[in-house]
Amino acid sequence: MAKKQGKIYLGYEDEAISDKNHTLSNYTVNKIGGLPDWPPLDNLLFPSKCPLCGLHRVLVVQCYAPLDNSVYHRTLYVFACINPNCWIQSESWLCVRSQYQDKSANESSVIVAMPSAQANLAWCSGCDEWDENDNDTANGNLMNIDNAPSPNNAMHRNSDEDDESNSFELENVEQALGNLHVFDAHNANMSPIQGAVGAIGAPRAAAELEGGDEPGLVSVDTPTAPSNDVEALLHQTAELPHDLRSRLMCGPLQFVPKFIYVEEEWISPTANDDRANSLLSRYIKEDELEVGGGDRAGAGGAGGGSDEEPYEEATPLHGDKLFHAFLTRLRENPGQILRYSREQSPVLGAPLPSSASTPDSPSVPTICARCGARLLCELQLVPEFAESLRLLPSNAPLAHLHFLSVLIFTCSQSCWQASDTLVKEFVVFQPEVV
């Protein structure tokens, strides 16, 4: 990923890596999923299993990030555990950095532009389909049309020509009802035994039919009341399917591998652009003169208005200015799945853990544990990245694979020793805002 001073680079989902173009994939290529393309290093080992559940991690993204005036090919590999209880924990994520000096090749950087595909602008992968069945279902329950009451059936039963058959049926019904005793403990608030003392019976209705060869007892349980604890429902996590868990115990799985197309971030002119402001002010004045807007402006001023437009400073309805600014920035370039920069700060949708954080949410370190240099946020995965994740071989998404941001903090000096093969970097996972 080529870099320029102070620039922010955005990644977009590109074409899938198939058998036809898999030879283009190596450690100098940016990609989603697949297997990691390691450089030819000796004794290359890394902790592939999740420290929380013991399942194998899956490669999420591979990012080629060489530094200026460096002789090393430098690549970041980000792994995660897809277990629902681990996915949302920063400890289950892993980023390792490799640096490889290819002495047999020319060290001048070569940028290979992958074919560009249209960015996926949809945040959802589909829509619900609602089917209507005529006379077959009602709210998903099957109905017996032959026994359904209707005016025609009522008229037929009362017709003169069927009086004899109907009377015979009524006699049978009356004889059966004579031996039927219904005890409705739920509706009467008492059972036959508790009726004498007026105690409230168990919520159960029973019907017993006496006589005949096979007397029976039918019991109906009262439905349980639905849960109104919305917060508890939101915190419930589904278990990982048994087949996936079994496969992850034996070895890592793969997300569908796809190339990542990279371009510089484009930012629309801001309010600090004097040239744009002067043109906008002149346009507004000319427009007011044409439609008589000067009188309206004066009337607005008398009513307490001001020359400044209050819309930009208005607080969003949900009250979260940080999250609002986060979404506004991402919408400047729809379809982006990651952001890369070593000079600019990340775009945050939620505050980072501070020094006063709890043990469950540790603070982000500011210095490298290896060399003491400053840490910087080099790579950021944004919400739409999760929409591109599909598991092989079914190409199916997992419903719990979502996040607000995944932030990768690396050493500003990119410290490296001759004996190193992989260096572990710091990962911060930010869950979706509820």
Protein backbone atom coordinates (compact mmCIF):
# COMPACT_ATOMS: atom_id res chain seq x y z
CA MET A 1 0.00 0.00 0.00
CA ALA A 2 1.87 3.07 -1.29
CA LYS A 3 1.80 6.12 0.99
CA LYS A 4 2.19 9.88 0.77
CA GLN A 5 2.80 12.32 3.57
CA GLY A 6 -0.36 13.09 5.53
CA LYS A 7 -2.66 11.13 3.24
CA ILE A 8 -5.42 8.73 4.30
CA TYR A 9 -5.94 5.69 2.12
CA LEU A 10 -9.26 3.90 1.85
CA GLY A 11 -9.76 0.25 0.99
CA TYR A 12 -12.72 -1.09 -1.00
CA GLU A 13 -13.88 -4.63 -1.63
CA ASP A 14 -12.66 -5.83 -5.02
CA GLU A 15 -13.02 -9.04 -7.04
CA ALA A 16 -12.78 -12.45 -5.42
CA ILE A 17 -9.52 -14.40 -5.58
CA SER A 18 -10.26 -17.48 -7.65
CA ASP A 19 -8.25 -20.22 -9.29
CA LYS A 20 -7.68 -17.95 -12.29
CA ASN A 21 -5.98 -15.13 -10.39
CA HIS A 22 -4.71 -16.74 -7.18
CA THR A 23 -1.12 -16.50 -8.48
CA LEU A 24 -1.35 -12.73 -8.08
CA SER A 25 -1.75 -13.09 -4.34
CA ASN A 26 1.41 -12.86 -2.24
CA TYR A 27 2.69 -11.01 0.83
CA THR A 28 2.72 -7.69 -1.09
CA VAL A 29 -1.03 -7.80 -1.82
CA ASN A 30 -3.92 -6.35 0.19
CA LYS A 31 -6.73 -8.85 0.60
CA ILE A 32 -9.69 -9.97 2.68
CA GLY A 33 -9.72 -13.49 4.15
CA GLY A 34 -8.17 -16.55 2.61
CA LEU A 35 -4.95 -17.96 4.03
CA PRO A 36 -2.07 -15.65 4.98
CA ASP A 37 0.58 -15.18 2.31
CA TRP A 38 3.71 -15.34 4.43
CA PRO A 39 7.06 -14.09 3.18
CA PRO A 40 9.80 -16.76 2.91
CA LEU A 41 10.92 -16.56 6.54
CA ASP A 42 12.51 -19.36 8.55
CA ASN A 43 10.91 -20.69 11.75
CA LEU A 44 7.76 -18.64 11.23
CA LEU A 45 5.42 -19.41 14.12
CA PHE A 46 2.56 -17.41 15.64
CA PRO A 47 -0.17 -18.09 18.24
CA SER A 48 -2.92 -19.31 15.93
CA LYS A 49 -5.40 -20.30 18.67
CA CYS A 50 -7.70 -17.99 20.57
CA PRO A 51 -6.51 -17.53 24.19
CA LEU A 52 -10.13 -17.35 25.40
CA CYS A 53 -11.69 -20.49 23.88
CA GLY A 54 -8.84 -22.42 22.25
CA LEU A 55 -10.35 -22.42 18.75
CA HIS A 56 -8.25 -21.53 15.73
CA ARG A 57 -8.37 -17.92 14.59
CA VAL A 58 -9.31 -16.92 11.04
CA LEU A 59 -7.44 -14.44 8.85
CA VAL A 60 -9.56 -11.29 8.52
CA VAL A 61 -7.33 -9.00 6.47
CA GLN A 62 -3.82 -8.84 5.05
CA CYS A 63 -2.37 -5.36 4.48
CA TYR A 64 0.88 -4.61 2.68
CA ALA A 65 2.33 -1.51 4.32
CA PRO A 66 5.98 -0.77 3.41
CA LEU A 67 7.66 2.26 4.95
CA ASP A 68 9.41 5.06 3.09
CA ASN A 69 13.18 4.64 2.72
CA SER A 70 13.05 1.11 4.09
CA VAL A 71 14.62 -2.03 2.65
CA TYR A 72 11.92 -4.26 4.14
CA HIS A 73 8.70 -5.56 2.68
CA ARG A 74 6.30 -4.93 5.55
CA THR A 75 2.91 -6.65 5.91
CA LEU A 76 0.22 -6.63 8.61
CA TYR A 77 -1.88 -9.75 9.22
CA VAL A 78 -5.07 -9.47 11.32
CA PHE A 79 -6.70 -12.59 12.76
CA ALA A 80 -9.85 -13.05 14.84
CA CYS A 81 -11.78 -15.79 16.60
CA ILE A 82 -15.28 -16.12 15.15
CA ASN A 83 -16.73 -17.64 18.32
CA PRO A 84 -19.60 -15.23 19.22
CA ASN A 85 -18.36 -14.73 22.80
CA CYS A 86 -14.78 -14.11 21.62
CA TRP A 87 -15.41 -11.98 18.51
CA ILE A 88 -16.36 -8.96 20.63
CA GLN A 89 -13.27 -9.24 22.86
CA SER A 90 -10.06 -7.43 21.89
CA GLU A 91 -8.03 -10.24 23.47
CA SER A 92 -9.27 -12.74 20.88
CA TRP A 93 -7.99 -10.58 18.01
CA LEU A 94 -4.39 -10.70 16.85
CA CYS A 95 -2.26 -8.57 14.54
CA VAL A 96 1.25 -9.64 13.61
CA ARG A 97 3.74 -7.67 11.53
CA SER A 98 6.28 -9.26 9.20
CA GLN A 99 9.29 -7.55 7.64
CA TYR A 100 11.21 -9.25 4.89
CA GLN A 101 14.26 -8.06 3.00
CA ASP A 102 14.33 -9.53 -0.47
CA LYS A 103 17.99 -9.25 -1.39
CA SER A 104 17.52 -10.99 -4.73
CA ALA A 105 15.16 -8.34 -6.10
CA ASN A 106 15.30 -4.64 -6.75
CA GLU A 107 14.20 -2.78 -3.62
CA SER A 108 12.40 -0.04 -5.52
CA SER A 109 8.69 -0.19 -4.74
CA VAL A 110 6.39 -1.53 -7.42
CA ILE A 111 2.66 -0.73 -7.21
CA VAL A 112 0.37 -3.22 -8.89
CA ALA A 113 -3.12 -1.84 -9.55
CA MET A 114 -5.78 -4.50 -9.28
CA PRO A 115 -8.85 -4.27 -11.54
CA SER A 116 -11.33 -1.96 -9.91
CA ALA A 117 -14.84 -3.17 -9.19
CA GLN A 118 -17.72 -0.96 -8.25
CA ALA A 119 -17.79 -0.40 -4.51
CA ASN A 120 -20.62 -2.13 -2.73
CA LEU A 121 -22.72 0.72 -1.41
CA ALA A 122 -25.33 -1.41 0.33
CA TRP A 123 -25.04 -1.86 4.10
CA CYS A 124 -27.46 -4.79 4.02
CA SER A 125 -27.09 -7.90 1.90
CA GLY A 126 -30.76 -8.41 1.12
CA CYS A 127 -34.31 -7.64 2.01
CA ASP A 128 -37.17 -9.63 3.51
CA GLU A 129 -39.70 -11.24 1.24
CA TRP A 130 -43.29 -11.44 2.38
CA ASP A 131 -45.49 -14.06 0.76
CA GLU A 132 -49.27 -14.07 0.91
CA ASN A 133 -51.25 -17.29 0.62
CA ASP A 134 -54.92 -17.04 -0.26
CA ASN A 135 -57.18 -18.99 2.12
CA ASP A 136 -54.34 -21.28 3.18
CA THR A 137 -52.65 -19.56 6.08
CA ALA A 138 -53.35 -16.88 8.62
CA ASN A 139 -50.29 -15.49 10.42
CA GLY A 140 -48.41 -18.63 9.44
CA ASN A 141 -51.00 -21.06 10.88
CA LEU A 142 -52.78 -23.58 8.64
CA MET A 143 -56.56 -23.31 8.42
CA ASN A 144 -59.08 -26.04 7.57
CA ILE A 145 -61.29 -24.41 5.00
CA ASP A 146 -63.88 -27.17 5.10
CA ASN A 147 -64.57 -26.64 8.81
CA ALA A 148 -64.26 -22.87 8.79
CA PRO A 149 -67.54 -21.17 9.76
CA SER A 150 -69.20 -19.18 7.03
CA PRO A 151 -72.67 -17.82 6.30
CA ASN A 152 -73.11 -20.46 3.60
CA ASN A 153 -72.42 -23.28 6.05
CA ALA A 154 -74.90 -21.79 8.54
CA MET A 155 -77.62 -21.56 5.91
CA HIS A 156 -76.93 -25.11 4.82
CA ARG A 157 -77.35 -26.46 8.34
CA ASN A 158 -80.69 -24.67 8.72
CA SER A 159 -82.10 -25.78 5.40
CA ASP A 160 -85.32 -27.82 5.43
CA GLU A 161 -84.02 -30.68 3.34
CA ASP A 162 -81.32 -31.53 5.92
CA ASP A 163 -83.46 -31.33 9.08
CA GLU A 164 -83.47 -35.08 9.60
CA SER A 165 -79.68 -35.49 9.27
CA ASN A 166 -79.05 -32.48 11.47
CA SER A 167 -81.36 -33.76 14.21
CA PHE A 168 -79.53 -37.08 14.20
CA GLU A 169 -76.20 -35.28 14.56
CA LEU A 170 -77.53 -33.11 17.38
CA GLU A 171 -78.69 -36.18 19.30
CA ASN A 172 -75.21 -37.65 19.11
CA VAL A 173 -73.66 -34.40 20.24
CA GLU A 174 -76.07 -34.02 23.17
CA GLN A 175 -75.35 -37.59 24.28
CA ALA A 176 -71.60 -36.94 24.19
CA LEU A 177 -71.89 -33.63 26.03
CA GLY A 178 -73.89 -35.31 28.76
CA ASN A 179 -70.75 -37.25 29.78
CA LEU A 180 -68.35 -34.30 29.43
CA HIS A 181 -67.09 -32.48 32.52
CA VAL A 182 -64.84 -29.44 32.04
CA PHE A 183 -62.66 -28.12 34.80
CA ASP A 184 -61.13 -24.78 33.91
CA ALA A 185 -58.88 -23.94 36.81
CA HIS A 186 -57.31 -21.00 35.02
CA ASN A 187 -60.50 -19.15 34.07
CA ALA A 188 -62.38 -19.94 37.30
CA ASN A 189 -59.29 -19.18 39.40
CA MET A 190 -59.81 -22.44 41.34
CA SER A 191 -59.65 -26.20 40.92
CA PRO A 192 -62.50 -28.54 41.97
CA ILE A 193 -60.60 -29.44 45.13
CA GLN A 194 -59.67 -25.86 45.99
CA GLY A 195 -63.14 -24.51 45.26
CA ALA A 196 -64.34 -25.09 48.81
CA VAL A 197 -61.66 -22.84 50.30
CA GLY A 198 -61.48 -20.41 47.37
CA ALA A 199 -57.77 -20.93 46.73
CA ILE A 200 -56.37 -19.92 43.38
CA GLY A 201 -55.73 -22.99 41.27
CA ALA A 202 -52.81 -23.75 38.99
CA PRO A 203 -52.98 -22.16 35.55
CA ARG A 204 -54.14 -25.30 33.79
CA ALA A 205 -57.34 -26.24 31.97
CA ALA A 206 -58.43 -29.90 31.79
CA ALA A 207 -61.27 -31.67 30.01
CA GLU A 208 -62.26 -35.25 30.87
CA LEU A 209 -64.61 -37.37 28.79
CA GLU A 210 -66.40 -40.13 30.69
CA GLY A 211 -67.84 -43.23 29.17
CA GLY A 212 -66.79 -45.14 26.10
CA ASP A 213 -64.03 -47.62 25.68
CA GLU A 214 -61.11 -45.17 25.92
CA PRO A 215 -61.73 -42.32 28.35
CA GLY A 216 -59.13 -39.60 27.95
CA LEU A 217 -57.79 -36.52 29.67
CA VAL A 218 -56.66 -33.47 27.71
CA SER A 219 -54.47 -30.90 29.46
CA VAL A 220 -53.57 -27.50 28.09
CA ASP A 221 -50.70 -25.51 29.60
CA THR A 222 -51.06 -21.77 29.85
CA PRO A 223 -48.52 -20.00 27.56
CA THR A 224 -45.63 -18.41 29.35
CA ALA A 225 -45.49 -14.65 29.41
CA PRO A 226 -43.02 -13.05 26.96
CA SER A 227 -39.89 -11.47 28.33
CA ASN A 228 -39.88 -7.68 28.46
CA ASP A 229 -36.19 -7.39 29.38
CA VAL A 230 -34.92 -5.93 26.09
CA GLU A 231 -31.44 -5.30 27.45
CA ALA A 232 -31.01 -8.97 28.35
CA LEU A 233 -32.20 -10.02 24.90
CA LEU A 234 -29.67 -7.72 23.21
CA HIS A 235 -26.80 -9.21 25.20
CA GLN A 236 -27.67 -12.79 24.28
CA THR A 237 -25.15 -14.41 21.95
CA ALA A 238 -25.90 -17.41 19.79
CA GLU A 239 -23.68 -20.44 20.02
CA LEU A 240 -21.34 -21.23 17.16
CA PRO A 241 -22.79 -24.06 15.02
CA HIS A 242 -21.45 -27.43 16.09
CA ASP A 243 -19.96 -28.26 12.69
CA LEU A 244 -18.01 -24.98 12.58
CA ARG A 245 -16.76 -25.48 16.13
CA SER A 246 -15.55 -28.97 15.30
CA ARG A 247 -13.70 -27.75 12.23
CA LEU A 248 -12.12 -24.85 14.13
CA MET A 249 -10.84 -27.25 16.77
CA CYS A 250 -8.92 -29.14 14.09
CA GLY A 251 -7.62 -26.17 12.08
CA PRO A 252 -8.33 -22.65 10.82
CA LEU A 253 -11.15 -21.88 8.41
CA GLN A 254 -11.12 -19.28 5.65
CA PHE A 255 -13.18 -16.29 4.73
CA VAL A 256 -13.79 -15.93 1.01
CA PRO A 257 -10.57 -14.27 -0.25
CA LYS A 258 -11.01 -10.97 -2.10
CA PHE A 259 -8.64 -8.31 -3.34
CA ILE A 260 -8.79 -4.84 -1.78
CA TYR A 261 -8.76 -1.80 -4.04
CA VAL A 262 -7.02 1.25 -2.50
CA GLU A 263 -7.36 4.96 -3.23
CA GLU A 264 -6.83 8.26 -1.43
CA GLU A 265 -9.63 9.65 0.69
CA TRP A 266 -11.59 12.48 -0.89
CA ILE A 267 -12.99 15.05 1.51
CA SER A 268 -15.57 17.61 0.42
CA PRO A 269 -14.75 21.30 0.94
CA THR A 270 -15.22 22.33 4.57
CA ALA A 271 -16.41 25.53 6.18
CA ASN A 272 -12.79 26.71 6.47
CA ASP A 273 -12.43 27.04 2.71
CA ASP A 274 -12.53 30.82 2.24
CA ARG A 275 -12.99 30.60 -1.51
CA ALA A 276 -15.99 28.27 -1.16
CA ASN A 277 -17.49 30.44 1.55
CA SER A 278 -17.21 33.62 -0.49
CA LEU A 279 -18.87 31.98 -3.50
CA LEU A 280 -21.63 30.59 -1.31
CA SER A 281 -22.28 33.96 0.33
CA ARG A 282 -22.49 35.73 -3.02
CA TYR A 283 -24.88 33.11 -4.36
CA ILE A 284 -27.16 33.47 -1.34
CA LYS A 285 -27.28 37.27 -1.64
CA GLU A 286 -28.05 37.14 -5.36
CA ASP A 287 -30.75 34.56 -4.77
CA GLU A 288 -32.36 36.66 -2.03
CA LEU A 289 -32.44 39.72 -4.31
CA GLU A 290 -34.12 37.75 -7.10
CA VAL A 291 -36.91 36.24 -4.99
CA GLY A 292 -37.27 39.04 -2.45
CA GLY A 293 -35.40 37.18 0.19
CA GLY A 294 -34.05 40.37 1.70
CA ASP A 295 -37.42 41.09 3.37
CA ARG A 296 -37.57 37.56 4.72
CA ALA A 297 -34.07 37.88 6.06
CA GLY A 298 -35.01 41.09 7.81
CA ALA A 299 -38.11 39.54 9.27
CA GLY A 300 -36.09 36.60 10.46
CA GLY A 301 -33.60 38.92 12.10
CA ALA A 302 -36.39 40.71 13.95
CA GLY A 303 -37.56 37.36 15.26
CA GLY A 304 -34.22 36.55 16.85
CA GLY A 305 -32.46 34.97 13.85
CA SER A 306 -28.79 35.37 13.04
CA ASP A 307 -26.57 35.44 9.96
CA GLU A 308 -24.97 32.08 10.89
CA GLU A 309 -26.62 28.86 9.78
CA PRO A 310 -27.43 26.87 12.94
CA TYR A 311 -27.89 23.50 11.19
CA GLU A 312 -24.21 22.52 11.20
CA GLU A 313 -23.96 23.14 14.94
CA ALA A 314 -27.21 21.40 15.82
CA THR A 315 -26.99 18.32 18.01
CA PRO A 316 -28.15 15.09 16.30
CA LEU A 317 -31.41 13.62 17.52
CA HIS A 318 -29.67 10.68 19.21
CA GLY A 319 -27.40 13.12 21.05
CA ASP A 320 -24.12 11.38 20.18
CA LYS A 321 -22.02 13.95 18.33
CA LEU A 322 -19.00 11.64 18.09
CA PHE A 323 -20.98 8.85 16.44
CA HIS A 324 -22.72 11.37 14.15
CA ALA A 325 -19.35 12.75 13.01
CA PHE A 326 -18.11 9.18 12.45
CA LEU A 327 -21.00 8.30 10.14
CA THR A 328 -20.78 11.65 8.34
CA ARG A 329 -17.09 11.08 7.57
CA LEU A 330 -17.67 7.57 6.27
CA ARG A 331 -20.50 8.73 4.02
CA GLU A 332 -18.10 11.07 2.23
CA ASN A 333 -16.70 7.94 0.54
CA PRO A 334 -19.41 5.23 0.54
CA GLY A 335 -18.33 1.63 0.36
CA GLN A 336 -15.04 1.97 2.23
CA ILE A 337 -14.13 -1.03 4.37
CA LEU A 338 -10.82 0.11 5.88
CA ARG A 339 -8.76 3.24 6.49
CA TYR A 340 -4.96 3.44 6.52
CA SER A 341 -2.64 6.22 7.63
CA ARG A 342 0.49 6.63 9.76
CA GLU A 343 0.11 10.39 10.04
CA GLN A 344 -3.61 11.02 10.61
CA SER A 345 -5.72 10.02 13.60
CA PRO A 346 -8.50 7.44 13.18
CA VAL A 347 -12.14 8.45 12.87
CA LEU A 348 -13.75 7.31 16.11
CA GLY A 349 -17.40 6.42 16.57
CA ALA A 350 -16.94 5.82 20.31
CA PRO A 351 -14.31 6.97 22.84
CA LEU A 352 -11.22 4.86 23.33
CA PRO A 353 -10.61 3.37 26.80
CA SER A 354 -8.84 5.97 28.93
CA SER A 355 -6.25 5.55 31.67
CA ALA A 356 -9.09 5.26 34.20
CA SER A 357 -10.60 2.24 32.47
CA THR A 358 -11.72 -0.85 34.33
CA PRO A 359 -9.85 -4.19 34.16
CA ASP A 360 -12.56 -5.49 31.82
CA SER A 361 -11.79 -2.65 29.40
CA PRO A 362 -8.06 -1.93 29.63
CA SER A 363 -6.70 1.34 28.36
CA VAL A 364 -4.82 1.67 25.09
CA PRO A 365 -1.03 1.83 25.65
CA THR A 366 0.79 4.84 24.27
CA ILE A 367 4.28 3.36 23.89
CA CYS A 368 5.70 0.21 22.32
CA ALA A 369 6.46 -2.50 24.85
CA ARG A 370 9.54 -3.56 22.87
CA CYS A 371 11.38 -0.33 22.22
CA GLY A 372 9.48 2.43 24.05
CA ALA A 373 8.59 4.34 20.86
CA ARG A 374 5.20 5.97 20.43
CA LEU A 375 2.28 3.83 19.25
CA LEU A 376 0.08 5.05 16.41
CA CYS A 377 -3.16 3.82 14.89
CA GLU A 378 -2.08 2.61 11.46
CA LEU A 379 -5.07 0.58 10.29
CA GLN A 380 -8.80 0.88 10.99
CA LEU A 381 -11.52 -1.54 9.90
CA VAL A 382 -14.91 0.20 9.61
CA PRO A 383 -18.43 -1.32 9.88
CA GLU A 384 -18.90 -2.22 6.21
CA PHE A 385 -15.84 -4.46 6.34
CA ALA A 386 -17.90 -7.02 8.27
CA GLU A 387 -20.43 -7.15 5.42
CA SER A 388 -17.73 -8.56 3.13
CA LEU A 389 -16.93 -11.56 5.35
CA ARG A 390 -18.21 -14.90 4.03
CA LEU A 391 -17.07 -18.33 5.19
CA LEU A 392 -15.82 -20.99 2.82
CA PRO A 393 -17.03 -23.24 1.33
CA SER A 394 -20.68 -22.27 1.85
CA ASN A 395 -20.08 -18.57 1.12
CA ALA A 396 -22.48 -17.85 3.99
CA PRO A 397 -22.31 -14.88 6.37
CA LEU A 398 -22.38 -15.20 10.15
CA ALA A 399 -24.95 -12.93 11.77
CA HIS A 400 -22.76 -11.93 14.72
CA LEU A 401 -19.76 -10.72 12.69
CA HIS A 402 -20.28 -6.98 13.17
CA PHE A 403 -18.35 -4.14 14.81
CA LEU A 404 -18.08 -0.38 15.00
CA SER A 405 -14.30 -0.28 14.50
CA VAL A 406 -11.24 -2.48 14.77
CA LEU A 407 -8.17 -0.33 15.44
CA ILE A 408 -4.63 -1.61 14.85
CA PHE A 409 -1.94 0.25 16.84
CA THR A 410 1.66 -0.27 15.69
CA CYS A 411 5.10 0.91 16.71
CA SER A 412 5.90 4.29 15.15
CA GLN A 413 9.51 3.14 14.64
CA SER A 414 8.45 -0.28 13.36
CA CYS A 415 11.09 -1.81 15.60
CA TRP A 416 12.74 -4.92 14.17
CA GLN A 417 15.65 -7.17 15.05
CA ALA A 418 17.56 -9.58 12.87
CA SER A 419 16.22 -12.54 14.82
CA ASP A 420 12.55 -11.48 14.49
CA THR A 421 10.09 -13.28 12.25
CA LEU A 422 6.79 -11.80 13.44
CA VAL A 423 6.05 -8.96 15.85
CA LYS A 424 2.75 -8.70 17.68
CA GLU A 425 0.87 -5.38 17.52
CA PHE A 426 -1.99 -4.02 19.64
CA VAL A 427 -5.67 -4.44 18.61
CA VAL A 428 -8.70 -2.56 19.98
CA PHE A 429 -12.16 -3.90 19.15
CA GLN A 430 -15.09 -1.48 19.41
CA PRO A 431 -18.52 -3.16 19.35
CA GLU A 432 -21.56 -1.71 17.61
CA VAL A 433 -23.29 1.19 19.32
CA VAL A 434 -26.55 -0.08 20.84
